[in-house]
Amino acid sequence: MDSLTAFDYIAAGLQAVISLSAALTLFFLRKAAYHLFCAAFAIASIGMLWQTVSRGWLTAMASIKGGLFGALLGIVLLLAVCFYTKQLSKEGKLR
């Protein structure tokens, strides 16, 4: 944990706030949920790339609990929710 930078903490906090906001907007069936989930996906992807570039792939993945599988699973699930909310929006179920 002592090797985390201010960027790491800010990105993690921002992603948590945006993900919570996205979940709440989806609960209330608002179109903004799609954009918020996409923003959370972008921040997670950028954070993962940042860790990979700044530390190297193996070091970055070893520092994340759950390792590579957990990190990739989180990214894939966020992407799936983005597609899901986009589909809901196209079907007119989000207002």
Protein backbone atom coordinates (compact mmCIF):
# COMPACT_ATOMS: atom_id res chain seq x y z
CA MET A 1 0.00 0.00 0.00
CA ASP A 2 2.90 2.36 0.59
CA SER A 3 3.67 2.32 -3.14
CA LEU A 4 0.30 3.80 -4.11
CA THR A 5 0.37 7.36 -5.37
CA ALA A 6 -2.10 10.19 -4.89
CA PHE A 7 -3.40 9.45 -8.40
CA ASP A 8 -4.20 5.87 -7.34
CA TYR A 9 -6.21 7.02 -4.32
CA ILE A 10 -8.03 9.74 -6.25
CA ALA A 11 -8.91 7.39 -9.13
CA ALA A 12 -10.17 4.71 -6.72
CA GLY A 13 -12.28 7.19 -4.78
CA LEU A 14 -13.66 8.80 -7.93
CA GLN A 15 -14.53 5.42 -9.41
CA ALA A 16 -16.33 4.40 -6.20
CA VAL A 17 -18.39 7.61 -6.13
CA ILE A 18 -19.27 7.39 -9.82
CA SER A 19 -20.15 3.68 -9.58
CA LEU A 20 -22.45 4.32 -6.62
CA SER A 21 -24.07 7.22 -8.46
CA ALA A 22 -24.50 5.03 -11.55
CA ALA A 23 -26.14 2.27 -9.52
CA LEU A 24 -28.55 4.74 -7.93
CA THR A 25 -29.46 6.31 -11.27
CA LEU A 26 -30.06 2.85 -12.74
CA PHE A 27 -32.25 2.00 -9.75
CA PHE A 28 -34.33 5.09 -10.53
CA LEU A 29 -34.26 4.18 -14.26
CA ARG A 30 -32.52 7.34 -15.44
CA LYS A 31 -30.69 7.63 -18.77
CA ALA A 32 -27.70 9.14 -17.00
CA ALA A 33 -26.88 5.65 -15.67
CA TYR A 34 -25.34 4.71 -19.02
CA HIS A 35 -22.98 7.67 -19.03
CA LEU A 36 -22.03 7.17 -15.39
CA PHE A 37 -21.27 3.47 -15.88
CA CYS A 38 -19.19 4.32 -18.96
CA ALA A 39 -17.28 6.90 -16.91
CA ALA A 40 -16.63 4.30 -14.20
CA PHE A 41 -15.43 1.88 -16.88
CA ALA A 42 -13.10 4.51 -18.32
CA ILE A 43 -11.63 5.38 -14.93
CA ALA A 44 -11.12 1.68 -14.08
CA SER A 45 -9.44 1.05 -17.43
CA ILE A 46 -7.21 4.10 -17.14
CA GLY A 47 -6.29 3.12 -13.59
CA MET A 48 -5.37 -0.38 -14.71
CA LEU A 49 -3.29 0.99 -17.59
CA TRP A 50 -1.61 3.48 -15.26
CA GLN A 51 -0.64 0.69 -12.87
CA THR A 52 0.68 -1.37 -15.74
CA VAL A 53 2.78 1.44 -17.23
CA SER A 54 4.09 2.90 -13.98
CA ARG A 55 4.90 -0.38 -12.20
CA GLY A 56 5.02 -3.08 -14.82
CA TRP A 57 2.30 -5.65 -15.42
CA LEU A 58 3.37 -8.33 -12.92
CA THR A 59 4.04 -5.90 -10.09
CA ALA A 60 0.74 -4.08 -10.66
CA MET A 61 -1.29 -7.29 -10.71
CA ALA A 62 0.51 -8.74 -7.68
CA SER A 63 -0.43 -5.65 -5.66
CA ILE A 64 -4.15 -6.06 -6.37
CA LYS A 65 -5.95 -8.57 -4.16
CA GLY A 66 -7.38 -11.21 -6.45
CA GLY A 67 -4.69 -10.48 -9.01
CA LEU A 68 -5.18 -10.41 -12.72
CA PHE A 69 -8.40 -12.42 -12.72
CA GLY A 70 -10.14 -10.08 -10.29
CA ALA A 71 -9.02 -6.96 -12.12
CA LEU A 72 -10.11 -8.24 -15.52
CA LEU A 73 -13.40 -9.56 -14.14
CA GLY A 74 -14.20 -6.13 -12.73
CA ILE A 75 -13.46 -4.43 -16.05
CA VAL A 76 -15.53 -6.98 -18.01
CA LEU A 77 -18.49 -6.65 -15.62
CA LEU A 78 -18.43 -2.86 -15.88
CA LEU A 79 -18.38 -3.13 -19.67
CA ALA A 80 -21.32 -5.56 -19.57
CA VAL A 81 -23.33 -3.14 -17.43
CA CYS A 82 -22.53 -0.36 -19.91
CA PHE A 83 -23.97 -2.45 -22.75
CA TYR A 84 -26.97 -3.39 -20.62
CA THR A 85 -27.83 0.20 -19.72
CA LYS A 86 -27.38 1.25 -23.37
CA GLN A 87 -29.85 -1.47 -24.39
CA LEU A 88 -32.34 -0.34 -21.73
CA SER A 89 -32.01 3.21 -23.02
CA LYS A 90 -32.64 2.13 -26.64
CA GLU A 91 -35.74 0.21 -25.56
CA GLY A 92 -37.09 3.31 -23.86
CA LYS A 93 -37.05 1.82 -20.38
CA LEU A 94 -34.87 4.59 -18.99
CA ARG A 95 -36.25 8.09 -18.73
